[in-house]
Every structure is written in C-alpha cells, then in structure tokens.
Amino acid sequence: MKQSLKQYNQKRDFLKTQEPIGKLRKKGAKLIFVVQHHLARKDHYDFRLEWNGVLLSFAVPKGPSFSHKDKRLAIHVEDHPYDYHNFEGVIPKGEYGGGPVMVWDTGYYEPFSGFTTDISSHQQALKFFLKGTKLYGKWILIPFKDQQWLLVKEQDSFLGFRNISLLDYSVKTFRKMEDII
C-alpha cells in the first residue's frame, strides 16, 4: 500500500491553520528526519522520518532519550507531508493538534533495515542512523502492539545522558517554546 496523506488532510481545516497542505514529495538525494516539540492537549514530541514521499510520524510522549537503557513509547500517527519538517508556529486552538509546535531537531538519516512501503502493518524493527543537531547515532523503532512502537537509542559512541528538557530551543529559529506561543 502506498503512503497516503488522505487522513492528514481530512483532519485539518487549511483555512484556519498554517500547516502545509499534504502532498507527496518526489524522492530527494537524502532522507530527512525532524523532531518537533508539540504542546497540544498533551505535551509530546513528534518524531518524523521521511519515507516514500511522506513523513512517517510517531508521537513520543516523553521525547527521545540519549540513553540506550530507556525505551520510549512512540505511537504511530497519520503520515505528514514532507513540507511539515519546516513547520514551526501555532496550530489554532480548537483545530486538530491545537497548540505551539517547535522544530526541536532536524537532519538526515540513513535506514539500515526494516523499511518497507507499508509501515501501518509493520512487524519488523526499523533501524537507522540519525545525523541531526541534537540527535546523532544509531536508533531503532521496535513494533510493540497495534500502532505502538518503542524508540530506543542503540549503543554506539554517541550515547549521552543529557536531559532533553535542557535542550529546549528550536534548531530552526533558536527560539524557546514561550517565544513561539
């Protein structure tokens, strides 16, 4: 099954939100990833990997961890358009996902294994190497149950024990969340 943005587009009123309209992207030279800090109904991080013209998207309640000992819940949500990787701003109150969104990290990634065309029925772990501003090194998304996955930093020379709350600025604009609101 080809990746689709139908669900993404149906959930949004583009006359009210500045989020980009969903459209597929032609394959680029490098695959991008983005992590957006999102203060919606619940504070969380949106972890997104470009794949087949869209951003595969996972809501990570606690955000990524720099420790290989931590397993972070990552809930697979609807695919987002490629142009969403640049979105930083406020989704209007009352709209789907209403609240401020910050580009917390972005960069490129290299897939190692497990990537197929249909992520929704995935039963195999996704392994990849991130090359971001804040996140770097080997990572893995492990299918858990239904649309729930576990995001884990694999053991490599890029392990760290930093607290992500100390890295509370946008890599796009260097603003803090309170400056975006």
N, C-alpha and C. Protein backbone atom coordinates (compact mmCIF):
# COMPACT_ATOMS: atom_id res chain seq x y z
N MET A 1 0.83 -1.18 0.00
CA MET A 1 0.00 0.00 0.00
C MET A 1 0.88 1.26 0.00
N LYS A 2 0.60 2.17 -0.89
CA LYS A 2 1.36 3.40 -1.00
C LYS A 2 1.03 4.35 0.15
N GLN A 3 2.03 5.07 0.61
CA GLN A 3 1.81 6.04 1.68
C GLN A 3 0.77 7.06 1.21
N SER A 4 -0.05 7.53 2.10
CA SER A 4 -1.11 8.46 1.76
C SER A 4 -1.19 9.59 2.76
N LEU A 5 -1.67 10.72 2.27
CA LEU A 5 -1.86 11.88 3.14
C LEU A 5 -3.33 12.19 3.30
N LYS A 6 -4.20 11.27 2.89
CA LYS A 6 -5.64 11.49 2.96
C LYS A 6 -6.08 11.77 4.41
N GLN A 7 -5.64 10.94 5.35
CA GLN A 7 -6.03 11.11 6.76
C GLN A 7 -5.52 12.45 7.30
N TYR A 8 -4.29 12.80 6.96
CA TYR A 8 -3.72 14.08 7.39
C TYR A 8 -4.60 15.24 6.90
N ASN A 9 -4.92 15.24 5.61
CA ASN A 9 -5.71 16.34 5.03
C ASN A 9 -7.13 16.41 5.61
N GLN A 10 -7.73 15.25 5.88
CA GLN A 10 -9.10 15.23 6.41
C GLN A 10 -9.19 15.82 7.83
N LYS A 11 -8.13 15.76 8.59
CA LYS A 11 -8.15 16.22 9.98
C LYS A 11 -7.93 17.73 10.12
N ARG A 12 -7.65 18.41 9.03
CA ARG A 12 -7.26 19.82 9.12
C ARG A 12 -8.14 20.73 8.26
N ASP A 13 -8.36 21.93 8.76
CA ASP A 13 -9.04 22.98 8.02
C ASP A 13 -7.96 23.97 7.61
N PHE A 14 -7.53 23.91 6.37
CA PHE A 14 -6.40 24.72 5.92
C PHE A 14 -6.74 26.20 5.76
N LEU A 15 -7.99 26.56 5.95
CA LEU A 15 -8.36 27.98 6.01
C LEU A 15 -8.08 28.55 7.40
N LYS A 16 -7.91 27.66 8.39
CA LYS A 16 -7.67 28.09 9.77
C LYS A 16 -6.25 27.84 10.26
N THR A 17 -5.57 26.86 9.70
CA THR A 17 -4.23 26.52 10.17
C THR A 17 -3.19 26.85 9.11
N GLN A 18 -1.97 27.16 9.56
CA GLN A 18 -0.87 27.45 8.65
C GLN A 18 -0.06 26.20 8.32
N GLU A 19 -0.53 25.04 8.79
CA GLU A 19 0.17 23.80 8.47
C GLU A 19 0.14 23.58 6.96
N PRO A 20 1.17 22.95 6.40
CA PRO A 20 1.19 22.74 4.95
C PRO A 20 0.14 21.73 4.50
N ILE A 21 -0.42 21.96 3.32
CA ILE A 21 -1.36 21.02 2.71
C ILE A 21 -0.58 19.78 2.30
N GLY A 22 -1.18 18.62 2.56
CA GLY A 22 -0.49 17.36 2.31
C GLY A 22 -0.35 17.04 0.83
N LYS A 23 0.89 16.83 0.40
CA LYS A 23 1.16 16.33 -0.94
C LYS A 23 2.45 15.52 -0.88
N LEU A 24 2.53 14.50 -1.73
CA LEU A 24 3.69 13.62 -1.74
C LEU A 24 4.90 14.33 -2.33
N ARG A 25 6.07 13.98 -1.85
CA ARG A 25 7.31 14.55 -2.35
C ARG A 25 8.01 13.51 -3.22
N LYS A 26 8.64 14.01 -4.27
CA LYS A 26 9.49 13.12 -5.07
C LYS A 26 10.75 12.86 -4.28
N LYS A 27 11.31 11.70 -4.48
CA LYS A 27 12.48 11.29 -3.70
C LYS A 27 13.64 12.27 -3.86
N GLY A 28 14.19 12.68 -2.72
CA GLY A 28 15.34 13.58 -2.72
C GLY A 28 16.64 12.80 -2.61
N ALA A 29 17.74 13.51 -2.60
CA ALA A 29 19.06 12.88 -2.52
C ALA A 29 19.31 12.25 -1.16
N LYS A 30 18.81 12.90 -0.10
CA LYS A 30 18.99 12.40 1.25
C LYS A 30 17.65 12.34 1.94
N LEU A 31 17.49 11.37 2.84
CA LEU A 31 16.27 11.25 3.64
C LEU A 31 16.39 12.14 4.87
N ILE A 32 15.34 12.92 5.15
CA ILE A 32 15.38 13.82 6.30
C ILE A 32 14.60 13.23 7.47
N PHE A 33 14.89 13.74 8.65
CA PHE A 33 14.07 13.47 9.83
C PHE A 33 13.86 14.80 10.53
N VAL A 34 12.81 14.85 11.32
CA VAL A 34 12.55 16.02 12.14
C VAL A 34 11.90 15.56 13.44
N VAL A 35 12.24 16.23 14.53
CA VAL A 35 11.58 16.03 15.81
C VAL A 35 10.99 17.38 16.19
N GLN A 36 9.67 17.42 16.39
CA GLN A 36 9.00 18.65 16.75
C GLN A 36 8.44 18.53 18.15
N HIS A 37 8.74 19.51 18.99
CA HIS A 37 8.15 19.57 20.33
C HIS A 37 6.78 20.20 20.14
N HIS A 38 5.74 19.55 20.66
CA HIS A 38 4.36 19.97 20.38
C HIS A 38 3.59 20.07 21.69
N LEU A 39 3.17 21.28 22.03
CA LEU A 39 2.35 21.50 23.22
C LEU A 39 0.89 21.50 22.81
N ALA A 40 0.36 20.33 22.52
CA ALA A 40 -1.05 20.19 22.17
C ALA A 40 -1.81 19.90 23.47
N ARG A 41 -2.88 19.13 23.36
CA ARG A 41 -3.63 18.74 24.56
C ARG A 41 -2.68 18.13 25.58
N LYS A 42 -1.74 17.34 25.10
CA LYS A 42 -0.69 16.77 25.95
C LYS A 42 0.66 17.13 25.35
N ASP A 43 1.59 17.51 26.20
CA ASP A 43 2.94 17.83 25.77
C ASP A 43 3.60 16.56 25.24
N HIS A 44 4.18 16.62 24.05
CA HIS A 44 4.86 15.46 23.47
C HIS A 44 5.82 15.91 22.38
N TYR A 45 6.55 14.96 21.84
CA TYR A 45 7.46 15.19 20.73
C TYR A 45 6.96 14.37 19.55
N ASP A 46 6.98 14.97 18.35
CA ASP A 46 6.61 14.26 17.14
C ASP A 46 7.90 13.88 16.41
N PHE A 47 8.13 12.58 16.28
CA PHE A 47 9.32 12.04 15.65
C PHE A 47 8.94 11.64 14.23
N ARG A 48 9.58 12.23 13.22
CA ARG A 48 9.17 12.01 11.83
C ARG A 48 10.36 11.61 10.96
N LEU A 49 10.14 10.56 10.16
CA LEU A 49 11.15 10.06 9.23
C LEU A 49 10.58 10.12 7.81
N GLU A 50 11.31 10.72 6.89
CA GLU A 50 10.87 10.74 5.50
C GLU A 50 10.94 9.32 4.92
N TRP A 51 9.86 8.92 4.25
CA TRP A 51 9.85 7.61 3.60
C TRP A 51 8.76 7.60 2.53
N ASN A 52 9.08 7.24 1.32
CA ASN A 52 8.13 7.16 0.21
C ASN A 52 7.33 8.44 0.01
N GLY A 53 7.97 9.58 0.11
CA GLY A 53 7.34 10.86 -0.20
C GLY A 53 6.58 11.52 0.93
N VAL A 54 6.54 10.89 2.10
CA VAL A 54 5.85 11.46 3.26
C VAL A 54 6.76 11.39 4.48
N LEU A 55 6.27 11.95 5.59
CA LEU A 55 6.97 11.82 6.86
C LEU A 55 6.20 10.81 7.71
N LEU A 56 6.80 9.64 7.95
CA LEU A 56 6.23 8.68 8.89
C LEU A 56 6.28 9.36 10.25
N SER A 57 5.17 9.35 10.97
CA SER A 57 5.08 10.16 12.18
C SER A 57 4.72 9.35 13.41
N PHE A 58 5.42 9.64 14.50
CA PHE A 58 5.23 8.96 15.77
C PHE A 58 5.16 10.01 16.88
N ALA A 59 4.13 9.94 17.70
CA ALA A 59 4.03 10.81 18.88
C ALA A 59 4.79 10.12 20.01
N VAL A 60 5.76 10.82 20.58
CA VAL A 60 6.61 10.27 21.64
C VAL A 60 6.36 11.12 22.90
N PRO A 61 5.52 10.62 23.82
CA PRO A 61 5.13 11.42 24.99
C PRO A 61 6.30 11.99 25.80
N LYS A 62 7.33 11.22 26.05
CA LYS A 62 8.45 11.69 26.87
C LYS A 62 9.60 12.25 26.03
N GLY A 63 9.49 12.14 24.73
CA GLY A 63 10.57 12.58 23.86
C GLY A 63 11.67 11.55 23.79
N PRO A 64 12.61 11.72 22.86
CA PRO A 64 13.70 10.76 22.73
C PRO A 64 14.63 10.81 23.95
N SER A 65 15.31 9.72 24.19
CA SER A 65 16.27 9.66 25.28
C SER A 65 17.66 9.38 24.72
N PHE A 66 18.66 9.97 25.32
CA PHE A 66 20.03 9.76 24.89
C PHE A 66 20.65 8.50 25.49
N SER A 67 19.90 7.80 26.34
CA SER A 67 20.39 6.59 26.99
C SER A 67 19.84 5.35 26.29
N HIS A 68 20.68 4.38 26.03
CA HIS A 68 20.23 3.13 25.41
C HIS A 68 19.39 2.28 26.37
N LYS A 69 19.37 2.64 27.64
CA LYS A 69 18.59 1.89 28.62
C LYS A 69 17.12 2.29 28.62
N ASP A 70 16.80 3.46 28.06
CA ASP A 70 15.42 3.95 28.04
C ASP A 70 14.69 3.49 26.79
N LYS A 71 13.47 3.04 26.99
CA LYS A 71 12.59 2.67 25.88
C LYS A 71 11.43 3.66 25.91
N ARG A 72 11.31 4.46 24.87
CA ARG A 72 10.28 5.49 24.82
C ARG A 72 9.11 5.03 23.96
N LEU A 73 7.90 5.13 24.50
CA LEU A 73 6.70 4.82 23.73
C LEU A 73 6.63 5.77 22.55
N ALA A 74 6.36 5.23 21.35
CA ALA A 74 6.21 6.02 20.12
C ALA A 74 4.95 5.53 19.43
N ILE A 75 3.92 6.37 19.40
CA ILE A 75 2.63 5.97 18.83
C ILE A 75 2.57 6.42 17.38
N HIS A 76 2.41 5.45 16.48
CA HIS A 76 2.34 5.78 15.06
C HIS A 76 1.05 6.53 14.78
N VAL A 77 1.17 7.73 14.23
CA VAL A 77 0.02 8.56 13.87
C VAL A 77 0.02 8.72 12.35
N GLU A 78 -0.92 9.51 11.83
CA GLU A 78 -1.02 9.65 10.38
C GLU A 78 0.26 10.23 9.78
N ASP A 79 0.54 9.80 8.54
CA ASP A 79 1.68 10.35 7.81
C ASP A 79 1.49 11.86 7.63
N HIS A 80 2.58 12.58 7.61
CA HIS A 80 2.55 14.03 7.40
C HIS A 80 3.29 14.35 6.09
N PRO A 81 2.95 15.48 5.46
CA PRO A 81 3.65 15.84 4.22
C PRO A 81 5.10 16.24 4.50
N TYR A 82 5.94 16.06 3.50
CA TYR A 82 7.35 16.42 3.62
C TYR A 82 7.53 17.86 4.09
N ASP A 83 6.72 18.78 3.57
CA ASP A 83 6.86 20.19 3.92
C ASP A 83 6.62 20.47 5.41
N TYR A 84 6.06 19.50 6.13
CA TYR A 84 5.82 19.69 7.56
C TYR A 84 7.13 19.79 8.34
N HIS A 85 8.23 19.31 7.77
CA HIS A 85 9.50 19.34 8.51
C HIS A 85 9.94 20.76 8.84
N ASN A 86 9.44 21.75 8.12
CA ASN A 86 9.77 23.15 8.37
C ASN A 86 8.74 23.87 9.22
N PHE A 87 7.64 23.18 9.56
CA PHE A 87 6.57 23.88 10.25
C PHE A 87 6.93 24.16 11.70
N GLU A 88 6.90 25.46 12.02
CA GLU A 88 7.07 25.91 13.40
C GLU A 88 6.09 27.07 13.57
N GLY A 89 5.26 26.97 14.58
CA GLY A 89 4.26 28.01 14.80
C GLY A 89 3.17 27.49 15.70
N VAL A 90 2.01 28.11 15.62
CA VAL A 90 0.91 27.75 16.50
C VAL A 90 -0.26 27.24 15.66
N ILE A 91 -0.70 26.02 15.96
CA ILE A 91 -1.93 25.49 15.38
C ILE A 91 -3.06 26.09 16.21
N PRO A 92 -4.05 26.73 15.56
CA PRO A 92 -5.10 27.42 16.32
C PRO A 92 -5.84 26.50 17.29
N LYS A 93 -6.21 27.08 18.43
CA LYS A 93 -6.99 26.36 19.44
C LYS A 93 -8.29 25.89 18.80
N GLY A 94 -8.71 24.69 19.10
CA GLY A 94 -9.92 24.11 18.54
C GLY A 94 -9.67 23.31 17.28
N GLU A 95 -8.50 23.49 16.66
CA GLU A 95 -8.14 22.69 15.49
C GLU A 95 -7.42 21.43 15.95
N TYR A 96 -7.38 20.41 15.09
CA TYR A 96 -6.70 19.17 15.41
C TYR A 96 -5.24 19.46 15.77
N GLY A 97 -4.82 19.04 16.96
CA GLY A 97 -3.45 19.27 17.41
C GLY A 97 -3.17 20.70 17.82
N GLY A 98 -4.21 21.45 18.16
CA GLY A 98 -4.04 22.86 18.51
C GLY A 98 -2.98 23.10 19.57
N GLY A 99 -2.11 24.06 19.32
CA GLY A 99 -1.04 24.42 20.24
C GLY A 99 0.25 24.71 19.49
N PRO A 100 1.26 25.21 20.19
CA PRO A 100 2.53 25.55 19.55
C PRO A 100 3.35 24.32 19.16
N VAL A 101 4.07 24.48 18.05
CA VAL A 101 4.95 23.44 17.52
C VAL A 101 6.33 24.06 17.29
N MET A 102 7.36 23.40 17.82
CA MET A 102 8.74 23.86 17.67
C MET A 102 9.56 22.81 16.92
N VAL A 103 10.41 23.24 16.00
CA VAL A 103 11.34 22.31 15.34
C VAL A 103 12.49 22.08 16.33
N TRP A 104 12.37 20.98 17.08
CA TRP A 104 13.32 20.68 18.15
C TRP A 104 14.64 20.13 17.60
N ASP A 105 14.56 19.32 16.55
CA ASP A 105 15.76 18.81 15.89
C ASP A 105 15.43 18.43 14.46
N THR A 106 16.41 18.48 13.61
CA THR A 106 16.24 18.06 12.22
C THR A 106 17.60 17.66 11.67
N GLY A 107 17.56 16.92 10.60
CA GLY A 107 18.79 16.46 9.96
C GLY A 107 18.48 15.38 8.95
N TYR A 108 19.47 14.54 8.71
CA TYR A 108 19.33 13.46 7.74
C TYR A 108 19.45 12.13 8.47
N TYR A 109 18.98 11.08 7.79
CA TYR A 109 19.14 9.75 8.38
C TYR A 109 19.40 8.73 7.28
N GLU A 110 20.01 7.63 7.69
CA GLU A 110 20.26 6.51 6.79
C GLU A 110 19.55 5.29 7.35
N PRO A 111 18.63 4.69 6.57
CA PRO A 111 17.96 3.48 7.05
C PRO A 111 18.91 2.28 6.96
N PHE A 112 18.85 1.41 7.97
CA PHE A 112 19.64 0.18 7.97
C PHE A 112 18.80 -1.00 7.55
N SER A 113 17.65 -1.16 8.20
CA SER A 113 16.82 -2.32 7.88
C SER A 113 15.39 -2.08 8.34
N GLY A 114 14.48 -2.88 7.79
CA GLY A 114 13.11 -2.90 8.24
C GLY A 114 12.16 -1.99 7.49
N PHE A 115 12.65 -1.10 6.65
CA PHE A 115 11.78 -0.15 5.96
C PHE A 115 11.12 -0.82 4.76
N THR A 116 9.79 -0.70 4.69
CA THR A 116 9.01 -1.21 3.57
C THR A 116 8.02 -0.13 3.16
N THR A 117 7.19 -0.43 2.16
CA THR A 117 6.26 0.59 1.69
C THR A 117 5.09 0.81 2.62
N ASP A 118 4.69 -0.19 3.43
CA ASP A 118 3.52 -0.04 4.28
C ASP A 118 3.89 -0.16 5.75
N ILE A 119 4.09 0.96 6.39
CA ILE A 119 4.51 0.98 7.80
C ILE A 119 3.37 0.57 8.73
N SER A 120 2.12 0.76 8.30
CA SER A 120 0.98 0.52 9.20
C SER A 120 0.83 -0.94 9.60
N SER A 121 1.27 -1.86 8.75
CA SER A 121 1.18 -3.29 9.09
C SER A 121 2.55 -3.86 9.42
N HIS A 122 3.43 -2.99 9.84
CA HIS A 122 4.82 -3.37 10.09
C HIS A 122 4.97 -4.30 11.29
N GLN A 123 5.80 -5.29 11.15
CA GLN A 123 6.06 -6.20 12.25
C GLN A 123 7.54 -6.36 12.50
N GLN A 124 8.32 -5.53 11.86
CA GLN A 124 9.76 -5.63 11.92
C GLN A 124 10.33 -4.29 12.41
N ALA A 125 11.39 -4.36 13.18
CA ALA A 125 12.02 -3.16 13.71
C ALA A 125 12.60 -2.32 12.58
N LEU A 126 12.58 -0.99 12.78
CA LEU A 126 13.19 -0.05 11.85
C LEU A 126 14.49 0.43 12.48
N LYS A 127 15.60 0.19 11.81
CA LYS A 127 16.90 0.62 12.32
C LYS A 127 17.45 1.71 11.40
N PHE A 128 18.04 2.74 12.03
CA PHE A 128 18.52 3.86 11.24
C PHE A 128 19.60 4.63 12.00
N PHE A 129 20.36 5.43 11.26
CA PHE A 129 21.42 6.26 11.81
C PHE A 129 21.02 7.72 11.61
N LEU A 130 20.85 8.46 12.71
CA LEU A 130 20.46 9.87 12.64
C LEU A 130 21.69 10.77 12.60
N LYS A 131 21.59 11.83 11.80
CA LYS A 131 22.64 12.85 11.73
C LYS A 131 21.96 14.20 11.91
N GLY A 132 21.65 14.53 13.16
CA GLY A 132 20.95 15.76 13.45
C GLY A 132 21.80 16.72 14.26
N THR A 133 21.18 17.81 14.67
CA THR A 133 21.86 18.80 15.50
C THR A 133 21.94 18.31 16.95
N LYS A 134 20.86 17.72 17.45
CA LYS A 134 20.81 17.22 18.82
C LYS A 134 20.90 15.70 18.90
N LEU A 135 20.30 15.02 17.95
CA LEU A 135 20.27 13.55 17.95
C LEU A 135 21.25 13.03 16.90
N TYR A 136 22.05 12.07 17.30
CA TYR A 136 23.06 11.52 16.40
C TYR A 136 23.27 10.05 16.75
N GLY A 137 23.59 9.26 15.77
CA GLY A 137 23.93 7.87 16.02
C GLY A 137 22.84 6.88 15.65
N LYS A 138 23.00 5.65 16.13
CA LYS A 138 22.11 4.55 15.80
C LYS A 138 20.86 4.56 16.69
N TRP A 139 19.70 4.38 16.06
CA TRP A 139 18.42 4.34 16.74
C TRP A 139 17.60 3.20 16.18
N ILE A 140 16.58 2.81 16.90
CA ILE A 140 15.70 1.73 16.46
C ILE A 140 14.27 2.02 16.92
N LEU A 141 13.32 1.73 16.05
CA LEU A 141 11.90 1.74 16.39
C LEU A 141 11.44 0.29 16.37
N ILE A 142 10.95 -0.19 17.50
CA ILE A 142 10.56 -1.59 17.65
C ILE A 142 9.04 -1.68 17.74
N PRO A 143 8.38 -2.47 16.85
CA PRO A 143 6.93 -2.61 16.96
C PRO A 143 6.57 -3.27 18.28
N PHE A 144 5.54 -2.75 18.94
CA PHE A 144 5.17 -3.20 20.27
C PHE A 144 3.79 -3.85 20.22
N LYS A 145 2.74 -3.06 19.98
CA LYS A 145 1.40 -3.60 19.77
C LYS A 145 0.57 -2.56 19.05
N ASP A 146 -0.35 -3.01 18.21
CA ASP A 146 -1.18 -2.12 17.40
C ASP A 146 -0.29 -1.06 16.74
N GLN A 147 -0.57 0.21 16.99
CA GLN A 147 0.21 1.30 16.41
C GLN A 147 1.28 1.82 17.38
N GLN A 148 1.58 1.03 18.40
CA GLN A 148 2.56 1.45 19.40
C GLN A 148 3.93 0.82 19.11
N TRP A 149 4.94 1.64 19.21
CA TRP A 149 6.32 1.24 18.98
C TRP A 149 7.15 1.69 20.18
N LEU A 150 8.39 1.24 20.22
CA LEU A 150 9.35 1.72 21.22
C LEU A 150 10.51 2.37 20.48
N LEU A 151 10.86 3.60 20.86
CA LEU A 151 12.01 4.31 20.29
C LEU A 151 13.17 4.15 21.26
N VAL A 152 14.28 3.61 20.76
CA VAL A 152 15.43 3.31 21.62
C VAL A 152 16.72 3.78 20.95
N LYS A 153 17.57 4.42 21.73
CA LYS A 153 18.91 4.78 21.27
C LYS A 153 19.78 3.54 21.40
N GLU A 154 20.37 3.10 20.29
CA GLU A 154 21.23 1.91 20.35
C GLU A 154 22.60 2.29 20.91
N GLN A 155 23.28 1.29 21.45
CA GLN A 155 24.61 1.51 21.99
C GLN A 155 25.57 1.81 20.85
N ASP A 156 26.22 2.94 20.94
CA ASP A 156 27.26 3.33 20.00
C ASP A 156 28.11 4.41 20.66
N SER A 157 29.02 5.00 19.93
CA SER A 157 29.90 6.01 20.53
C SER A 157 29.21 7.35 20.74
N PHE A 158 27.92 7.47 20.36
CA PHE A 158 27.20 8.73 20.50
C PHE A 158 26.20 8.71 21.66
N LEU A 159 26.35 7.78 22.59
CA LEU A 159 25.47 7.74 23.75
C LEU A 159 25.71 8.97 24.61
N GLY A 160 24.69 9.40 25.29
CA GLY A 160 24.82 10.55 26.18
C GLY A 160 23.80 10.44 27.29
N PHE A 161 23.93 11.26 28.27
CA PHE A 161 22.99 11.22 29.38
C PHE A 161 22.46 12.63 29.65
N ARG A 162 22.23 13.35 28.55
CA ARG A 162 21.68 14.70 28.67
C ARG A 162 20.17 14.61 28.87
N ASN A 163 19.65 15.57 29.56
CA ASN A 163 18.21 15.67 29.78
C ASN A 163 17.65 16.52 28.63
N ILE A 164 16.66 15.98 27.89
CA ILE A 164 16.17 16.72 26.73
C ILE A 164 15.51 18.04 27.11
N SER A 165 15.03 18.15 28.35
CA SER A 165 14.40 19.41 28.76
C SER A 165 15.42 20.56 28.81
N LEU A 166 16.71 20.23 28.89
CA LEU A 166 17.75 21.26 28.87
C LEU A 166 18.03 21.77 27.46
N LEU A 167 17.55 21.03 26.46
CA LEU A 167 17.73 21.41 25.06
C LEU A 167 16.42 21.97 24.53
N ASP A 168 15.89 22.99 25.19
CA ASP A 168 14.53 23.47 24.96
C ASP A 168 14.46 24.63 23.96
N TYR A 169 15.22 24.53 22.88
CA TYR A 169 15.22 25.60 21.88
C TYR A 169 15.02 25.00 20.48
N SER A 170 14.57 25.83 19.57
CA SER A 170 14.36 25.43 18.19
C SER A 170 15.69 25.44 17.44
N VAL A 171 15.94 24.38 16.66
CA VAL A 171 17.14 24.37 15.83
C VAL A 171 16.92 25.20 14.55
N LYS A 172 15.69 25.58 14.30
CA LYS A 172 15.35 26.39 13.13
C LYS A 172 15.48 27.88 13.43
N THR A 173 14.92 28.33 14.56
CA THR A 173 14.87 29.76 14.87
C THR A 173 15.59 30.12 16.17
N PHE A 174 16.03 29.11 16.93
CA PHE A 174 16.69 29.28 18.23
C PHE A 174 15.79 29.89 19.28
N ARG A 175 14.47 29.91 18.99
CA ARG A 175 13.51 30.41 19.98
C ARG A 175 13.17 29.29 20.97
N LYS A 176 12.71 29.70 22.14
CA LYS A 176 12.19 28.76 23.13
C LYS A 176 10.67 28.69 22.91
N MET A 177 10.05 27.67 23.47
CA MET A 177 8.62 27.47 23.26
C MET A 177 7.81 28.69 23.65
N GLU A 178 8.16 29.34 24.78
CA GLU A 178 7.39 30.51 25.22
C GLU A 178 7.48 31.68 24.24
N ASP A 179 8.51 31.68 23.36
CA ASP A 179 8.62 32.72 22.33
C ASP A 179 7.78 32.40 21.10
N ILE A 180 7.42 31.14 20.93
CA ILE A 180 6.60 30.71 19.80
C ILE A 180 5.13 30.93 20.09
N ILE A 181 4.74 30.74 21.36
CA ILE A 181 3.33 30.82 21.77
C ILE A 181 2.74 32.13 21.43
